[in-house]
Amino acid sequence: VLMDGKPLAAASVRMARINTEKRSVPTSWHEDIA
């Protein structure tokens, strides 16, 4: 992660997938990766 061209430490990053199937998950924690 870069801010003004410099690495940014301790930044919050998440990854998630488009749930086109509208598939349910066990808990809300399963909806993305943090």
PDB file of all heavy atoms in Angstrom:
ATOM      1  N   VAL A   1       0.853  -1.180   0.000  1.00  0.00           N
ATOM      2  CA  VAL A   1       0.000   0.000   0.000  1.00  0.00           C
ATOM      3  C   VAL A   1       0.893   1.235   0.000  1.00  0.00           C
ATOM      4  O   VAL A   1       1.786   1.367   0.849  1.00  0.00           O
ATOM      5  CB  VAL A   1      -0.936   0.014   1.219  1.00  0.00           C
ATOM      6  CG1 VAL A   1      -1.802   1.270   1.217  1.00  0.00           C
ATOM      7  CG2 VAL A   1      -1.814  -1.231   1.219  1.00  0.00           C
ATOM      8  N   LEU A   2       0.660   2.144  -0.964  1.00  0.00           N
ATOM      9  CA  LEU A   2       1.434   3.366  -1.081  1.00  0.00           C
ATOM     10  C   LEU A   2       0.541   4.581  -0.870  1.00  0.00           C
ATOM     11  O   LEU A   2      -0.574   4.638  -1.397  1.00  0.00           O
ATOM     12  CB  LEU A   2       2.089   3.471  -2.465  1.00  0.00           C
ATOM     13  CG  LEU A   2       3.045   2.351  -2.892  1.00  0.00           C
ATOM     14  CD1 LEU A   2       3.600   2.638  -4.278  1.00  0.00           C
ATOM     15  CD2 LEU A   2       4.164   2.168  -1.884  1.00  0.00           C
ATOM     16  N   MET A   3       1.031   5.527  -0.115  1.00  0.00           N
ATOM     17  CA  MET A   3       0.382   6.826   0.062  1.00  0.00           C
ATOM     18  C   MET A   3       1.370   7.892  -0.359  1.00  0.00           C
ATOM     19  O   MET A   3       2.448   8.016   0.242  1.00  0.00           O
ATOM     20  CB  MET A   3      -0.048   7.021   1.516  1.00  0.00           C
ATOM     21  CG  MET A   3      -0.770   8.341   1.755  1.00  0.00           C
ATOM     22  SD  MET A   3      -2.339   8.389   0.829  1.00  0.00           S
ATOM     23  CE  MET A   3      -2.883  10.048   1.151  1.00  0.00           C
ATOM     24  N   ASP A   4       1.041   8.632  -1.409  1.00  0.00           N
ATOM     25  CA  ASP A   4       1.957   9.620  -1.984  1.00  0.00           C
ATOM     26  C   ASP A   4       3.291   8.981  -2.358  1.00  0.00           C
ATOM     27  O   ASP A   4       4.365   9.573  -2.186  1.00  0.00           O
ATOM     28  CB  ASP A   4       2.178  10.784  -1.016  1.00  0.00           C
ATOM     29  CG  ASP A   4       0.904  11.589  -0.775  1.00  0.00           C
ATOM     30  OD1 ASP A   4       0.097  11.696  -1.711  1.00  0.00           O
ATOM     31  OD2 ASP A   4       0.717  12.089   0.352  1.00  0.00           O
ATOM     32  N   GLY A   5       3.225   7.739  -2.850  1.00  0.00           N
ATOM     33  CA  GLY A   5       4.410   7.033  -3.322  1.00  0.00           C
ATOM     34  C   GLY A   5       5.237   6.363  -2.259  1.00  0.00           C
ATOM     35  O   GLY A   5       6.256   5.745  -2.578  1.00  0.00           O
ATOM     36  N   LYS A   6       4.828   6.428  -0.987  1.00  0.00           N
ATOM     37  CA  LYS A   6       5.593   5.832   0.104  1.00  0.00           C
ATOM     38  C   LYS A   6       4.795   4.716   0.767  1.00  0.00           C
ATOM     39  O   LYS A   6       3.571   4.829   0.908  1.00  0.00           O
ATOM     40  CB  LYS A   6       5.960   6.901   1.134  1.00  0.00           C
ATOM     41  CG  LYS A   6       6.836   8.023   0.575  1.00  0.00           C
ATOM     42  CD  LYS A   6       7.155   9.046   1.638  1.00  0.00           C
ATOM     43  CE  LYS A   6       8.027  10.177   1.078  1.00  0.00           C
ATOM     44  NZ  LYS A   6       8.324  11.201   2.117  1.00  0.00           N
ATOM     45  N   PRO A   7       5.467   3.621   1.176  1.00  0.00           N
ATOM     46  CA  PRO A   7       4.752   2.517   1.838  1.00  0.00           C
ATOM     47  C   PRO A   7       4.040   2.998   3.101  1.00  0.00           C
ATOM     48  O   PRO A   7       4.563   3.820   3.855  1.00  0.00           O
ATOM     49  CB  PRO A   7       5.875   1.522   2.170  1.00  0.00           C
ATOM     50  CG  PRO A   7       6.980   1.854   1.221  1.00  0.00           C
ATOM     51  CD  PRO A   7       6.904   3.329   0.999  1.00  0.00           C
ATOM     52  N   LEU A   8       2.842   2.464   3.302  1.00  0.00           N
ATOM     53  CA  LEU A   8       2.008   2.862   4.439  1.00  0.00           C
ATOM     54  C   LEU A   8       1.897   1.690   5.404  1.00  0.00           C
ATOM     55  O   LEU A   8       1.333   0.646   5.072  1.00  0.00           O
ATOM     56  CB  LEU A   8       0.626   3.286   3.947  1.00  0.00           C
ATOM     57  CG  LEU A   8      -0.325   3.871   4.984  1.00  0.00           C
ATOM     58  CD1 LEU A   8       0.249   5.144   5.589  1.00  0.00           C
ATOM     59  CD2 LEU A   8      -1.687   4.147   4.359  1.00  0.00           C
ATOM     60  N   ALA A   9       2.439   1.852   6.593  1.00  0.00           N
ATOM     61  CA  ALA A   9       2.402   0.794   7.605  1.00  0.00           C
ATOM     62  C   ALA A   9       1.098   0.844   8.384  1.00  0.00           C
ATOM     63  O   ALA A   9       0.475   1.893   8.531  1.00  0.00           O
ATOM     64  CB  ALA A   9       3.590   0.938   8.557  1.00  0.00           C
ATOM     65  N   ALA A  10       0.692  -0.328   8.891  1.00  0.00           N
ATOM     66  CA  ALA A  10      -0.487  -0.475   9.758  1.00  0.00           C
ATOM     67  C   ALA A  10      -1.769  -0.017   9.092  1.00  0.00           C
ATOM     68  O   ALA A  10      -2.721   0.392   9.779  1.00  0.00           O
ATOM     69  CB  ALA A  10      -0.274   0.265  11.079  1.00  0.00           C
ATOM     70  N   ALA A  11      -1.835  -0.082   7.775  1.00  0.00           N
ATOM     71  CA  ALA A  11      -3.059   0.285   7.063  1.00  0.00           C
ATOM     72  C   ALA A  11      -4.029  -0.893   7.056  1.00  0.00           C
ATOM     73  O   ALA A  11      -3.627  -2.051   6.931  1.00  0.00           O
ATOM     74  CB  ALA A  11      -2.733   0.704   5.634  1.00  0.00           C
ATOM     75  N   SER A  12      -5.302  -0.599   7.173  1.00  0.00           N
ATOM     76  CA  SER A  12      -6.338  -1.639   7.125  1.00  0.00           C
ATOM     77  C   SER A  12      -6.566  -2.067   5.681  1.00  0.00           C
ATOM     78  O   SER A  12      -6.802  -1.226   4.800  1.00  0.00           O
ATOM     79  CB  SER A  12      -7.636  -1.100   7.730  1.00  0.00           C
ATOM     80  OG  SER A  12      -8.688  -2.030   7.564  1.00  0.00           O
ATOM     81  N   VAL A  13      -6.484  -3.369   5.423  1.00  0.00           N
ATOM     82  CA  VAL A  13      -6.659  -3.919   4.075  1.00  0.00           C
ATOM     83  C   VAL A  13      -7.678  -5.047   4.139  1.00  0.00           C
ATOM     84  O   VAL A  13      -7.633  -5.884   5.047  1.00  0.00           O
ATOM     85  CB  VAL A  13      -5.329  -4.444   3.492  1.00  0.00           C
ATOM     86  CG1 VAL A  13      -5.513  -4.878   2.040  1.00  0.00           C
ATOM     87  CG2 VAL A  13      -4.241  -3.394   3.602  1.00  0.00           C
ATOM     88  N   ARG A  14      -8.584  -5.070   3.192  1.00  0.00           N
ATOM     89  CA  ARG A  14      -9.599  -6.124   3.112  1.00  0.00           C
ATOM     90  C   ARG A  14      -9.692  -6.642   1.685  1.00  0.00           C
ATOM     91  O   ARG A  14      -9.445  -5.904   0.730  1.00  0.00           O
ATOM     92  CB  ARG A  14     -10.967  -5.605   3.561  1.00  0.00           C
ATOM     93  CG  ARG A  14     -11.028  -5.314   5.051  1.00  0.00           C
ATOM     94  CD  ARG A  14     -12.366  -4.684   5.433  1.00  0.00           C
ATOM     95  NE  ARG A  14     -12.431  -4.508   6.877  1.00  0.00           N
ATOM     96  CZ  ARG A  14     -12.938  -5.378   7.733  1.00  0.00           C
ATOM     97  NH1 ARG A  14     -13.458  -6.497   7.275  1.00  0.00           N
ATOM     98  NH2 ARG A  14     -12.942  -5.140   9.024  1.00  0.00           N
ATOM     99  N   MET A  15     -10.069  -7.921   1.571  1.00  0.00           N
ATOM    100  CA  MET A  15     -10.311  -8.526   0.265  1.00  0.00           C
ATOM    101  C   MET A  15     -11.657  -9.220   0.295  1.00  0.00           C
ATOM    102  O   MET A  15     -11.990  -9.889   1.268  1.00  0.00           O
ATOM    103  CB  MET A  15      -9.221  -9.527  -0.107  1.00  0.00           C
ATOM    104  CG  MET A  15      -7.944  -8.880  -0.559  1.00  0.00           C
ATOM    105  SD  MET A  15      -6.973  -9.872  -1.719  1.00  0.00           S
ATOM    106  CE  MET A  15      -7.820  -9.601  -3.268  1.00  0.00           C
ATOM    107  N   ALA A  16     -12.403  -9.031  -0.785  1.00  0.00           N
ATOM    108  CA  ALA A  16     -13.716  -9.651  -0.880  1.00  0.00           C
ATOM    109  C   ALA A  16     -14.016  -9.984  -2.331  1.00  0.00           C
ATOM    110  O   ALA A  16     -13.466  -9.380  -3.249  1.00  0.00           O
ATOM    111  CB  ALA A  16     -14.785  -8.733  -0.307  1.00  0.00           C
ATOM    112  N   ARG A  17     -14.885 -10.932  -2.492  1.00  0.00           N
ATOM    113  CA  ARG A  17     -15.258 -11.435  -3.815  1.00  0.00           C
ATOM    114  C   ARG A  17     -16.702 -11.049  -4.108  1.00  0.00           C
ATOM    115  O   ARG A  17     -17.549 -11.017  -3.212  1.00  0.00           O
ATOM    116  CB  ARG A  17     -15.106 -12.953  -3.835  1.00  0.00           C
ATOM    117  CG  ARG A  17     -15.658 -13.671  -5.048  1.00  0.00           C
ATOM    118  CD  ARG A  17     -15.545 -15.168  -4.869  1.00  0.00           C
ATOM    119  NE  ARG A  17     -16.272 -15.886  -5.891  1.00  0.00           N
ATOM    120  CZ  ARG A  17     -17.554 -16.208  -5.800  1.00  0.00           C
ATOM    121  NH1 ARG A  17     -18.256 -15.895  -4.723  1.00  0.00           N
ATOM    122  NH2 ARG A  17     -18.150 -16.867  -6.773  1.00  0.00           N
ATOM    123  N   ILE A  18     -17.001 -10.781  -5.359  1.00  0.00           N
ATOM    124  CA  ILE A  18     -18.391 -10.503  -5.749  1.00  0.00           C
ATOM    125  C   ILE A  18     -19.180 -11.797  -5.619  1.00  0.00           C
ATOM    126  O   ILE A  18     -18.897 -12.789  -6.282  1.00  0.00           O
ATOM    127  CB  ILE A  18     -18.495  -9.975  -7.184  1.00  0.00           C
ATOM    128  CG1 ILE A  18     -17.788  -8.643  -7.295  1.00  0.00           C
ATOM    129  CG2 ILE A  18     -19.946  -9.830  -7.593  1.00  0.00           C
ATOM    130  CD1 ILE A  18     -17.902  -8.000  -8.647  1.00  0.00           C
ATOM    131  N   ASN A  19     -20.161 -11.757  -4.792  1.00  0.00           N
ATOM    132  CA  ASN A  19     -20.974 -12.939  -4.496  1.00  0.00           C
ATOM    133  C   ASN A  19     -22.155 -12.996  -5.461  1.00  0.00           C
ATOM    134  O   ASN A  19     -23.311 -12.781  -5.090  1.00  0.00           O
ATOM    135  CB  ASN A  19     -21.454 -12.879  -3.036  1.00  0.00           C
ATOM    136  CG  ASN A  19     -22.173 -14.135  -2.604  1.00  0.00           C
ATOM    137  OD1 ASN A  19     -22.010 -15.198  -3.208  1.00  0.00           O
ATOM    138  ND2 ASN A  19     -22.974 -14.024  -1.561  1.00  0.00           N
ATOM    139  N   THR A  20     -21.868 -13.295  -6.728  1.00  0.00           N
ATOM    140  CA  THR A  20     -22.924 -13.331  -7.741  1.00  0.00           C
ATOM    141  C   THR A  20     -23.941 -14.428  -7.458  1.00  0.00           C
ATOM    142  O   THR A  20     -25.101 -14.327  -7.857  1.00  0.00           O
ATOM    143  CB  THR A  20     -22.317 -13.542  -9.134  1.00  0.00           C
ATOM    144  OG1 THR A  20     -21.480 -14.714  -9.102  1.00  0.00           O
ATOM    145  CG2 THR A  20     -21.472 -12.345  -9.534  1.00  0.00           C
ATOM    146  N   GLU A  21     -23.502 -15.485  -6.778  1.00  0.00           N
ATOM    147  CA  GLU A  21     -24.426 -16.581  -6.460  1.00  0.00           C
ATOM    148  C   GLU A  21     -25.314 -16.251  -5.255  1.00  0.00           C
ATOM    149  O   GLU A  21     -26.251 -17.001  -4.976  1.00  0.00           O
ATOM    150  CB  GLU A  21     -23.642 -17.854  -6.160  1.00  0.00           C
ATOM    151  CG  GLU A  21     -22.613 -18.236  -7.220  1.00  0.00           C
ATOM    152  CD  GLU A  21     -21.264 -17.561  -6.982  1.00  0.00           C
ATOM    153  OE1 GLU A  21     -21.170 -16.731  -6.050  1.00  0.00           O
ATOM    154  OE2 GLU A  21     -20.331 -17.848  -7.723  1.00  0.00           O
ATOM    155  N   LYS A  22     -24.980 -15.143  -4.562  1.00  0.00           N
ATOM    156  CA  LYS A  22     -25.682 -14.762  -3.322  1.00  0.00           C
ATOM    157  C   LYS A  22     -25.687 -15.935  -2.340  1.00  0.00           C
ATOM    158  O   LYS A  22     -26.697 -16.252  -1.719  1.00  0.00           O
ATOM    159  CB  LYS A  22     -27.094 -14.279  -3.614  1.00  0.00           C
ATOM    160  CG  LYS A  22     -27.127 -12.963  -4.394  1.00  0.00           C
ATOM    161  CD  LYS A  22     -28.517 -12.378  -4.459  1.00  0.00           C
ATOM    162  CE  LYS A  22     -28.489 -10.999  -5.114  1.00  0.00           C
ATOM    163  NZ  LYS A  22     -29.831 -10.372  -5.154  1.00  0.00           N
ATOM    164  N   ARG A  23     -24.522 -16.539  -2.224  1.00  0.00           N
ATOM    165  CA  ARG A  23     -24.353 -17.689  -1.349  1.00  0.00           C
ATOM    166  C   ARG A  23     -24.229 -17.222   0.100  1.00  0.00           C
ATOM    167  O   ARG A  23     -23.541 -16.245   0.397  1.00  0.00           O
ATOM    168  CB  ARG A  23     -23.103 -18.462  -1.780  1.00  0.00           C
ATOM    169  CG  ARG A  23     -22.874 -19.775  -1.074  1.00  0.00           C
ATOM    170  CD  ARG A  23     -21.621 -20.431  -1.630  1.00  0.00           C
ATOM    171  NE  ARG A  23     -21.729 -20.650  -3.068  1.00  0.00           N
ATOM    172  CZ  ARG A  23     -20.701 -20.679  -3.888  1.00  0.00           C
ATOM    173  NH1 ARG A  23     -19.474 -20.468  -3.442  1.00  0.00           N
ATOM    174  NH2 ARG A  23     -20.883 -20.904  -5.179  1.00  0.00           N
ATOM    175  N   SER A  24     -24.887 -17.903   0.996  1.00  0.00           N
ATOM    176  CA  SER A  24     -24.818 -17.561   2.415  1.00  0.00           C
ATOM    177  C   SER A  24     -23.530 -18.103   3.024  1.00  0.00           C
ATOM    178  O   SER A  24     -22.919 -19.045   2.498  1.00  0.00           O
ATOM    179  CB  SER A  24     -26.026 -18.113   3.159  1.00  0.00           C
ATOM    180  OG  SER A  24     -26.066 -19.533   3.056  1.00  0.00           O
ATOM    181  N   VAL A  25     -23.096 -17.480   4.117  1.00  0.00           N
ATOM    182  CA  VAL A  25     -21.873 -17.882   4.806  1.00  0.00           C
ATOM    183  C   VAL A  25     -22.191 -18.107   6.279  1.00  0.00           C
ATOM    184  O   VAL A  25     -23.206 -17.619   6.791  1.00  0.00           O
ATOM    185  CB  VAL A  25     -20.776 -16.811   4.651  1.00  0.00           C
ATOM    186  CG1 VAL A  25     -20.304 -16.746   3.212  1.00  0.00           C
ATOM    187  CG2 VAL A  25     -21.269 -15.456   5.117  1.00  0.00           C
ATOM    188  N   PRO A  26     -21.351 -18.871   6.986  1.00  0.00           N
ATOM    189  CA  PRO A  26     -21.657 -19.194   8.391  1.00  0.00           C
ATOM    190  C   PRO A  26     -21.803 -17.965   9.286  1.00  0.00           C
ATOM    191  O   PRO A  26     -22.697 -17.910  10.128  1.00  0.00           O
ATOM    192  CB  PRO A  26     -20.458 -20.055   8.825  1.00  0.00           C
ATOM    193  CG  PRO A  26     -19.922 -20.634   7.559  1.00  0.00           C
ATOM    194  CD  PRO A  26     -20.157 -19.595   6.516  1.00  0.00           C
ATOM    195  N   THR A  27     -20.899 -16.986   9.123  1.00  0.00           N
ATOM    196  CA  THR A  27     -20.946 -15.778   9.940  1.00  0.00           C
ATOM    197  C   THR A  27     -20.566 -14.591   9.077  1.00  0.00           C
ATOM    198  O   THR A  27     -20.077 -14.737   7.946  1.00  0.00           O
ATOM    199  CB  THR A  27     -19.979 -15.864  11.139  1.00  0.00           C
ATOM    200  OG1 THR A  27     -18.632 -15.826  10.642  1.00  0.00           O
ATOM    201  CG2 THR A  27     -20.203 -17.136  11.938  1.00  0.00           C
ATOM    202  N   SER A  28     -20.758 -13.397   9.616  1.00  0.00           N
ATOM    203  CA  SER A  28     -20.385 -12.192   8.886  1.00  0.00           C
ATOM    204  C   SER A  28     -18.873 -12.087   8.709  1.00  0.00           C
ATOM    205  O   SER A  28     -18.395 -11.401   7.799  1.00  0.00           O
ATOM    206  CB  SER A  28     -20.901 -10.954   9.618  1.00  0.00           C
ATOM    207  OG  SER A  28     -20.377 -10.900  10.931  1.00  0.00           O
ATOM    208  N   TRP A  29     -18.096 -12.774   9.561  1.00  0.00           N
ATOM    209  CA  TRP A  29     -16.642 -12.762   9.415  1.00  0.00           C
ATOM    210  C   TRP A  29     -16.194 -13.471   8.142  1.00  0.00           C
ATOM    211  O   TRP A  29     -15.070 -13.260   7.681  1.00  0.00           O
ATOM    212  CB  TRP A  29     -15.982 -13.432  10.626  1.00  0.00           C
ATOM    213  CG  TRP A  29     -16.445 -12.894  11.936  1.00  0.00           C
ATOM    214  CD1 TRP A  29     -17.255 -13.511  12.840  1.00  0.00           C
ATOM    215  CD2 TRP A  29     -16.158 -11.607  12.500  1.00  0.00           C
ATOM    216  NE1 TRP A  29     -17.482 -12.716  13.923  1.00  0.00           N
ATOM    217  CE2 TRP A  29     -16.816 -11.527  13.749  1.00  0.00           C
ATOM    218  CE3 TRP A  29     -15.401 -10.519  12.075  1.00  0.00           C
ATOM    219  CZ2 TRP A  29     -16.747 -10.402  14.558  1.00  0.00           C
ATOM    220  CZ3 TRP A  29     -15.321  -9.408  12.884  1.00  0.00           C
ATOM    221  CH2 TRP A  29     -15.995  -9.362  14.107  1.00  0.00           C
ATOM    222  N   HIS A  30     -17.038 -14.340   7.580  1.00  0.00           N
ATOM    223  CA  HIS A  30     -16.678 -15.071   6.372  1.00  0.00           C
ATOM    224  C   HIS A  30     -16.944 -14.262   5.100  1.00  0.00           C
ATOM    225  O   HIS A  30     -16.684 -14.743   4.000  1.00  0.00           O
ATOM    226  CB  HIS A  30     -17.466 -16.383   6.295  1.00  0.00           C
ATOM    227  CG  HIS A  30     -17.099 -17.364   7.363  1.00  0.00           C
ATOM    228  ND1 HIS A  30     -17.528 -17.243   8.665  1.00  0.00           N
ATOM    229  CD2 HIS A  30     -16.345 -18.493   7.326  1.00  0.00           C
ATOM    230  CE1 HIS A  30     -17.067 -18.247   9.382  1.00  0.00           C
ATOM    231  NE2 HIS A  30     -16.343 -19.017   8.602  1.00  0.00           N
ATOM    232  N   GLU A  31     -17.453 -13.063   5.242  1.00  0.00           N
ATOM    233  CA  GLU A  31     -17.818 -12.288   4.059  1.00  0.00           C
ATOM    234  C   GLU A  31     -16.621 -11.613   3.400  1.00  0.00           C
ATOM    235  O   GLU A  31     -16.690 -11.214   2.249  1.00  0.00           O
ATOM    236  CB  GLU A  31     -18.869 -11.241   4.438  1.00  0.00           C
ATOM    237  CG  GLU A  31     -20.180 -11.880   4.894  1.00  0.00           C
ATOM    238  CD  GLU A  31     -21.179 -10.851   5.389  1.00  0.00           C
ATOM    239  OE1 GLU A  31     -20.822  -9.647   5.403  1.00  0.00           O
ATOM    240  OE2 GLU A  31     -22.298 -11.233   5.753  1.00  0.00           O
ATOM    241  N   ASP A  32     -15.530 -11.447   4.128  1.00  0.00           N
ATOM    242  CA  ASP A  32     -14.332 -10.871   3.542  1.00  0.00           C
ATOM    243  C   ASP A  32     -13.116 -11.344   4.322  1.00  0.00           C
ATOM    244  O   ASP A  32     -13.236 -12.118   5.272  1.00  0.00           O
ATOM    245  CB  ASP A  32     -14.417  -9.338   3.501  1.00  0.00           C
ATOM    246  CG  ASP A  32     -14.435  -8.730   4.899  1.00  0.00           C
ATOM    247  OD1 ASP A  32     -14.551  -9.503   5.884  1.00  0.00           O
ATOM    248  OD2 ASP A  32     -14.339  -7.500   5.034  1.00  0.00           O
ATOM    249  N   ILE A  33     -11.935 -10.899   3.914  1.00  0.00           N
ATOM    250  CA  ILE A  33     -10.683 -11.225   4.589  1.00  0.00           C
ATOM    251  C   ILE A  33     -10.047  -9.912   5.003  1.00  0.00           C
ATOM    252  O   ILE A  33      -9.976  -8.967   4.197  1.00  0.00           O
ATOM    253  CB  ILE A  33      -9.723 -12.011   3.674  1.00  0.00           C
ATOM    254  CG1 ILE A  33     -10.462 -13.131   2.934  1.00  0.00           C
ATOM    255  CG2 ILE A  33      -8.572 -12.594   4.463  1.00  0.00           C
ATOM    256  CD1 ILE A  33      -9.626 -13.820   1.882  1.00  0.00           C
ATOM    257  N   ALA A  34      -9.579  -9.832   6.229  1.00  0.00           N
ATOM    258  CA  ALA A  34      -9.030  -8.576   6.746  1.00  0.00           C
ATOM    259  C   ALA A  34      -7.605  -8.771   7.237  1.00  0.00           C
ATOM    260  O   ALA A  34      -7.233  -9.847   7.723  1.00  0.00           O
ATOM    261  CB  ALA A  34      -9.908  -8.045   7.879  1.00  0.00           C
TER     262      ALA A  34
END
